[in-house]
């Protein structure tokens, strides 16, 4: 049986700097059935220059042109994350936070973080990758904007975490149009580097995430929000809570439906097979010692006689048969 994927509900910065909304996002992720709820930890001053512009999607979704100003309004403090982590623990969901500063990582781990999520923008940050690997935790490496060669270089930088890295394919557009998703790239990464793969979905709807599961994704990450009409860079490309719950239900069902790949009937099919498959039956009444001819027999349901591959023609009966009786091996000497 295929294992159910690890499902990460990506709250990201959709709290808009409001702790009450952050707690509500945790509660919504729990209600939806996610395994993990993920946030983002950063300090704008240490992440971008004062004059850095916003990405096209950030400008389109927020109307802001200065990235530093945009991010500063979305910061949460170390104390805030400690409260969120505690709320996650009490709510029975795994706490995860993407650190954009390696110095934050130790504190997040101390709060109960069990794995490290590396954002696509950090994939070429060699010093940070090497430090992340030293924590000895499972690593989820997002690969948006990356070439296959760059993914390989990042895996080399994460050598200390070798054997414990999952590459998440994604397209760093919010929302990402369908023609940009290239889901088959997951298989390329898996076959080239021998790593497990997953999918961080930035497209609208949930069908790309479901398709990714069927292509081998063992991790599915999806942005969600309490209200898609809220201001902010990521709300527009996020699912609302009821949509997140519906997606998770479908993912769990499809994981079961994928099965183990062995082509064989399930136990309940055996009863159906006996009813709808054919076997040899008497076309007419036949006496004991009668030698069966082709005109004497027919193939009918149910399969309670000889199989179609075992023709009774030319064989002598040791008992009489009525019309429609199944013909069995015990009817012959």
Foldseek 3Di string as FASTA:
>chain_A
DFDQFQEEAEQELLCQLPLVQLLVSLVLCVVLPHQEYEYEADQLVVQDDQAQFDDPLQCVQFVGTTPSVQVNSSHDDLVSLLVSLVSNVVSVHAYYYAYPDLVCVVSNVVSPHQEYEHDQVCLQVLVSLLSRLVVQGQYEYENAPHDLVSNVVSCVSSVSNPPRYEYAYEHPDQQDDPVPGPLCVQVVNCVVPVHQYAYEHRHAAQVVRLVSVVVRHRYYYFYAHCDLPDGGSHSVSHHHSVRSSVNSVSSRVVSVVVPDPDDDDDPVVVVVLQFPAWAKFFQAKDAAQDQDAPVGIDIDDGHPAHHPVDDSHRFGFRGIDGGGHHHHPVRGD
